[in-house]
Amino acid sequence: MLLIAALALLVWYAVEVLLLVFAGILLAVFLLGLTVGLSRRTGLGENWSLAVVGLTLLLVTCGAVWWLAPSVAAQADELRRSLPESLRQAESWLALTINNEG
């Protein structure tokens, strides 16, 4: 029973590390699948296929950030402008609620 409790405590404290290891394994399986598929279809070696897959994923990620950044920046600016007024409205509503109940 003590061994089970110790193991449970160890898992509880190591959950972030275990999740990171699991994410790494998932990423490795994903990259391996893309690499092997590209290698079979093109005849490239697996090392070159991994380089092409990595570069392609990097370019797709950079392109997505470049495409989405203006929209996200505009939304963040709108939030920055509207947040103080929303906070004032919430404070006044809370004050009215507390005064009506008290």
N, C-alpha and C. Protein backbone atom coordinates (compact mmCIF):
# COMPACT_ATOMS: atom_id res chain seq x y z
N MET A 1 0.82 -1.19 0.00
CA MET A 1 0.00 0.00 0.00
C MET A 1 0.86 1.25 0.00
N LEU A 2 1.95 1.21 0.77
CA LEU A 2 2.87 2.35 0.84
C LEU A 2 3.54 2.56 -0.51
N LEU A 3 3.84 1.49 -1.21
CA LEU A 3 4.46 1.60 -2.52
C LEU A 3 3.51 2.27 -3.52
N ILE A 4 2.24 1.94 -3.46
CA ILE A 4 1.26 2.55 -4.35
C ILE A 4 1.11 4.03 -4.05
N ALA A 5 1.09 4.38 -2.77
CA ALA A 5 0.99 5.78 -2.38
C ALA A 5 2.22 6.56 -2.83
N ALA A 6 3.40 5.96 -2.68
CA ALA A 6 4.62 6.63 -3.11
C ALA A 6 4.63 6.81 -4.63
N LEU A 7 4.18 5.82 -5.35
CA LEU A 7 4.12 5.91 -6.81
C LEU A 7 3.12 6.98 -7.24
N ALA A 8 1.98 7.03 -6.57
CA ALA A 8 0.98 8.06 -6.88
C ALA A 8 1.53 9.45 -6.61
N LEU A 9 2.25 9.62 -5.53
CA LEU A 9 2.86 10.90 -5.20
C LEU A 9 3.91 11.29 -6.22
N LEU A 10 4.70 10.32 -6.65
CA LEU A 10 5.71 10.58 -7.67
C LEU A 10 5.07 11.01 -8.98
N VAL A 11 4.02 10.33 -9.39
CA VAL A 11 3.31 10.70 -10.63
C VAL A 11 2.70 12.09 -10.49
N TRP A 12 2.15 12.40 -9.33
CA TRP A 12 1.52 13.71 -9.10
C TRP A 12 2.55 14.83 -9.28
N TYR A 13 3.75 14.64 -8.74
CA TYR A 13 4.77 15.67 -8.85
C TYR A 13 5.44 15.69 -10.21
N ALA A 14 5.44 14.59 -10.91
CA ALA A 14 6.14 14.50 -12.19
C ALA A 14 5.19 14.63 -13.38
N VAL A 15 3.96 15.06 -13.17
CA VAL A 15 2.99 15.07 -14.25
C VAL A 15 3.41 16.02 -15.38
N GLU A 16 4.02 17.16 -15.06
CA GLU A 16 4.45 18.07 -16.11
C GLU A 16 5.55 17.45 -16.96
N VAL A 17 6.48 16.77 -16.33
CA VAL A 17 7.55 16.11 -17.06
C VAL A 17 6.98 14.99 -17.92
N LEU A 18 6.05 14.23 -17.38
CA LEU A 18 5.44 13.15 -18.15
C LEU A 18 4.67 13.69 -19.34
N LEU A 19 3.97 14.79 -19.18
CA LEU A 19 3.26 15.40 -20.31
C LEU A 19 4.23 15.90 -21.37
N LEU A 20 5.35 16.46 -20.94
CA LEU A 20 6.36 16.92 -21.89
C LEU A 20 6.97 15.75 -22.65
N VAL A 21 7.23 14.66 -21.97
CA VAL A 21 7.76 13.46 -22.64
C VAL A 21 6.73 12.92 -23.62
N PHE A 22 5.47 12.88 -23.23
CA PHE A 22 4.41 12.40 -24.13
C PHE A 22 4.29 13.29 -25.36
N ALA A 23 4.36 14.61 -25.17
CA ALA A 23 4.30 15.53 -26.31
C ALA A 23 5.49 15.32 -27.24
N GLY A 24 6.66 15.06 -26.67
CA GLY A 24 7.83 14.79 -27.49
C GLY A 24 7.68 13.52 -28.31
N ILE A 25 7.11 12.51 -27.70
CA ILE A 25 6.87 11.25 -28.42
C ILE A 25 5.87 11.47 -29.55
N LEU A 26 4.81 12.21 -29.28
CA LEU A 26 3.83 12.49 -30.34
C LEU A 26 4.46 13.27 -31.49
N LEU A 27 5.30 14.25 -31.16
CA LEU A 27 5.97 15.02 -32.21
C LEU A 27 6.90 14.13 -33.02
N ALA A 28 7.62 13.24 -32.35
CA ALA A 28 8.53 12.34 -33.06
C ALA A 28 7.77 11.41 -34.00
N VAL A 29 6.64 10.88 -33.55
CA VAL A 29 5.83 10.00 -34.40
C VAL A 29 5.29 10.77 -35.59
N PHE A 30 4.84 12.00 -35.36
CA PHE A 30 4.33 12.85 -36.44
C PHE A 30 5.41 13.11 -37.49
N LEU A 31 6.60 13.52 -37.02
CA LEU A 31 7.70 13.80 -37.94
C LEU A 31 8.16 12.53 -38.67
N LEU A 32 8.20 11.42 -37.97
CA LEU A 32 8.61 10.17 -38.60
C LEU A 32 7.63 9.76 -39.69
N GLY A 33 6.34 9.90 -39.42
CA GLY A 33 5.34 9.56 -40.43
C GLY A 33 5.47 10.40 -41.68
N LEU A 34 5.64 11.71 -41.50
CA LEU A 34 5.82 12.59 -42.66
C LEU A 34 7.12 12.29 -43.39
N THR A 35 8.17 12.03 -42.64
CA THR A 35 9.48 11.76 -43.24
C THR A 35 9.47 10.47 -44.05
N VAL A 36 8.94 9.41 -43.49
CA VAL A 36 8.90 8.13 -44.20
C VAL A 36 8.01 8.23 -45.43
N GLY A 37 6.88 8.90 -45.30
CA GLY A 37 5.99 9.06 -46.45
C GLY A 37 6.65 9.83 -47.58
N LEU A 38 7.35 10.92 -47.24
CA LEU A 38 8.04 11.70 -48.26
C LEU A 38 9.18 10.90 -48.88
N SER A 39 9.90 10.17 -48.05
CA SER A 39 11.02 9.36 -48.54
C SER A 39 10.54 8.29 -49.51
N ARG A 40 9.43 7.66 -49.23
CA ARG A 40 8.89 6.63 -50.13
C ARG A 40 8.42 7.22 -51.45
N ARG A 41 7.79 8.38 -51.39
CA ARG A 41 7.22 8.96 -52.61
C ARG A 41 8.28 9.61 -53.51
N THR A 42 9.34 10.14 -52.90
CA THR A 42 10.32 10.88 -53.70
C THR A 42 11.62 10.13 -53.91
N GLY A 43 11.89 9.13 -53.11
CA GLY A 43 13.16 8.43 -53.24
C GLY A 43 14.30 9.12 -52.50
N LEU A 44 14.02 10.21 -51.82
CA LEU A 44 15.04 10.89 -51.02
C LEU A 44 15.40 10.01 -49.82
N GLY A 45 16.59 10.21 -49.30
CA GLY A 45 16.95 9.53 -48.07
C GLY A 45 16.15 10.09 -46.91
N GLU A 46 16.10 9.34 -45.82
CA GLU A 46 15.29 9.79 -44.68
C GLU A 46 15.85 11.06 -44.05
N ASN A 47 17.16 11.24 -44.06
CA ASN A 47 17.73 12.46 -43.49
C ASN A 47 17.31 13.68 -44.29
N TRP A 48 17.40 13.57 -45.62
CA TRP A 48 16.98 14.69 -46.47
C TRP A 48 15.47 14.91 -46.37
N SER A 49 14.72 13.84 -46.28
CA SER A 49 13.27 13.97 -46.15
C SER A 49 12.91 14.68 -44.84
N LEU A 50 13.61 14.34 -43.76
CA LEU A 50 13.37 15.02 -42.49
C LEU A 50 13.71 16.50 -42.59
N ALA A 51 14.78 16.83 -43.30
CA ALA A 51 15.14 18.24 -43.49
C ALA A 51 14.06 18.98 -44.28
N VAL A 52 13.54 18.35 -45.33
CA VAL A 52 12.48 18.97 -46.13
C VAL A 52 11.21 19.13 -45.30
N VAL A 53 10.85 18.12 -44.53
CA VAL A 53 9.66 18.19 -43.68
C VAL A 53 9.83 19.30 -42.64
N GLY A 54 10.98 19.36 -42.00
CA GLY A 54 11.22 20.39 -41.00
C GLY A 54 11.17 21.79 -41.58
N LEU A 55 11.79 21.97 -42.73
CA LEU A 55 11.78 23.28 -43.39
C LEU A 55 10.37 23.65 -43.84
N THR A 56 9.63 22.69 -44.36
CA THR A 56 8.26 22.95 -44.78
C THR A 56 7.38 23.35 -43.60
N LEU A 57 7.49 22.63 -42.50
CA LEU A 57 6.72 22.97 -41.32
C LEU A 57 7.09 24.35 -40.78
N LEU A 58 8.38 24.68 -40.82
CA LEU A 58 8.83 26.00 -40.38
C LEU A 58 8.26 27.09 -41.27
N LEU A 59 8.29 26.89 -42.58
CA LEU A 59 7.76 27.89 -43.51
C LEU A 59 6.24 28.04 -43.36
N VAL A 60 5.53 26.93 -43.17
CA VAL A 60 4.08 27.00 -42.98
C VAL A 60 3.76 27.75 -41.69
N THR A 61 4.50 27.49 -40.64
CA THR A 61 4.28 28.17 -39.37
C THR A 61 4.56 29.67 -39.49
N CYS A 62 5.67 30.02 -40.13
CA CYS A 62 5.99 31.44 -40.33
C CYS A 62 4.95 32.13 -41.20
N GLY A 63 4.48 31.44 -42.22
CA GLY A 63 3.44 32.02 -43.08
C GLY A 63 2.14 32.23 -42.33
N ALA A 64 1.78 31.29 -41.49
CA ALA A 64 0.55 31.44 -40.71
C ALA A 64 0.65 32.60 -39.73
N VAL A 65 1.81 32.73 -39.09
CA VAL A 65 2.01 33.86 -38.16
C VAL A 65 1.96 35.18 -38.93
N TRP A 66 2.62 35.24 -40.09
CA TRP A 66 2.62 36.46 -40.90
C TRP A 66 1.20 36.82 -41.35
N TRP A 67 0.41 35.81 -41.69
CA TRP A 67 -0.94 36.04 -42.17
C TRP A 67 -1.88 36.45 -41.04
N LEU A 68 -1.72 35.85 -39.86
CA LEU A 68 -2.64 36.10 -38.75
C LEU A 68 -2.23 37.25 -37.85
N ALA A 69 -0.98 37.67 -37.87
CA ALA A 69 -0.49 38.68 -36.94
C ALA A 69 -1.26 40.00 -37.02
N PRO A 70 -1.57 40.55 -38.20
CA PRO A 70 -2.30 41.82 -38.22
C PRO A 70 -3.69 41.71 -37.55
N SER A 71 -4.37 40.61 -37.77
CA SER A 71 -5.69 40.43 -37.18
C SER A 71 -5.60 40.33 -35.66
N VAL A 72 -4.64 39.56 -35.18
CA VAL A 72 -4.46 39.40 -33.73
C VAL A 72 -4.06 40.73 -33.11
N ALA A 73 -3.19 41.49 -33.77
CA ALA A 73 -2.77 42.78 -33.25
C ALA A 73 -3.94 43.76 -33.19
N ALA A 74 -4.79 43.74 -34.21
CA ALA A 74 -5.96 44.63 -34.20
C ALA A 74 -6.93 44.24 -33.07
N GLN A 75 -7.13 42.97 -32.86
CA GLN A 75 -8.01 42.53 -31.78
C GLN A 75 -7.43 42.87 -30.42
N ALA A 76 -6.13 42.73 -30.26
CA ALA A 76 -5.49 43.09 -28.99
C ALA A 76 -5.60 44.58 -28.73
N ASP A 77 -5.46 45.38 -29.78
CA ASP A 77 -5.60 46.83 -29.63
C ASP A 77 -7.03 47.20 -29.24
N GLU A 78 -8.00 46.56 -29.87
CA GLU A 78 -9.40 46.81 -29.53
C GLU A 78 -9.69 46.40 -28.09
N LEU A 79 -9.15 45.28 -27.66
CA LEU A 79 -9.32 44.84 -26.28
C LEU A 79 -8.69 45.84 -25.31
N ARG A 80 -7.50 46.34 -25.65
CA ARG A 80 -6.83 47.31 -24.81
C ARG A 80 -7.65 48.59 -24.67
N ARG A 81 -8.32 48.99 -25.76
CA ARG A 81 -9.13 50.20 -25.71
C ARG A 81 -10.45 49.99 -24.98
N SER A 82 -11.06 48.82 -25.11
CA SER A 82 -12.39 48.62 -24.53
C SER A 82 -12.36 48.06 -23.11
N LEU A 83 -11.24 47.54 -22.68
CA LEU A 83 -11.18 46.91 -21.36
C LEU A 83 -11.43 47.87 -20.20
N PRO A 84 -10.87 49.08 -20.20
CA PRO A 84 -11.15 49.98 -19.06
C PRO A 84 -12.64 50.31 -18.90
N GLU A 85 -13.33 50.54 -19.99
CA GLU A 85 -14.77 50.83 -19.90
C GLU A 85 -15.54 49.62 -19.40
N SER A 86 -15.18 48.45 -19.89
CA SER A 86 -15.84 47.23 -19.42
C SER A 86 -15.59 47.01 -17.94
N LEU A 87 -14.40 47.32 -17.48
CA LEU A 87 -14.08 47.19 -16.07
C LEU A 87 -14.90 48.17 -15.24
N ARG A 88 -15.06 49.39 -15.71
CA ARG A 88 -15.90 50.37 -15.00
C ARG A 88 -17.36 49.90 -14.93
N GLN A 89 -17.86 49.36 -16.02
CA GLN A 89 -19.23 48.85 -16.02
C GLN A 89 -19.39 47.69 -15.04
N ALA A 90 -18.42 46.81 -15.00
CA ALA A 90 -18.49 45.68 -14.07
C ALA A 90 -18.43 46.16 -12.63
N GLU A 91 -17.59 47.16 -12.35
CA GLU A 91 -17.50 47.70 -10.99
C GLU A 91 -18.81 48.36 -10.57
N SER A 92 -19.41 49.11 -11.48
CA SER A 92 -20.68 49.77 -11.13
C SER A 92 -21.80 48.74 -10.94
N TRP A 93 -21.83 47.71 -11.76
CA TRP A 93 -22.83 46.66 -11.59
C TRP A 93 -22.64 45.95 -10.26
N LEU A 94 -21.39 45.67 -9.92
CA LEU A 94 -21.10 44.99 -8.66
C LEU A 94 -21.47 45.88 -7.47
N ALA A 95 -21.20 47.17 -7.58
CA ALA A 95 -21.56 48.09 -6.49
C ALA A 95 -23.07 48.15 -6.33
N LEU A 96 -23.82 48.20 -7.43
CA LEU A 96 -25.28 48.21 -7.34
C LEU A 96 -25.82 46.91 -6.74
N THR A 97 -25.23 45.80 -7.14
CA THR A 97 -25.66 44.50 -6.63
C THR A 97 -25.42 44.40 -5.13
N ILE A 98 -24.26 44.84 -4.70
CA ILE A 98 -23.94 44.77 -3.27
C ILE A 98 -24.82 45.72 -2.48
N ASN A 99 -25.08 46.92 -3.00
CA ASN A 99 -25.93 47.89 -2.30
C ASN A 99 -27.38 47.41 -2.21
N ASN A 100 -27.87 46.74 -3.25
CA ASN A 100 -29.26 46.24 -3.23
C ASN A 100 -29.43 45.07 -2.29
N GLU A 101 -28.40 44.27 -2.12
CA GLU A 101 -28.50 43.12 -1.23
C GLU A 101 -28.23 43.49 0.21
N GLY A 102 -27.46 44.54 0.43
CA GLY A 102 -27.04 44.90 1.79
C GLY A 102 -28.04 45.74 2.45
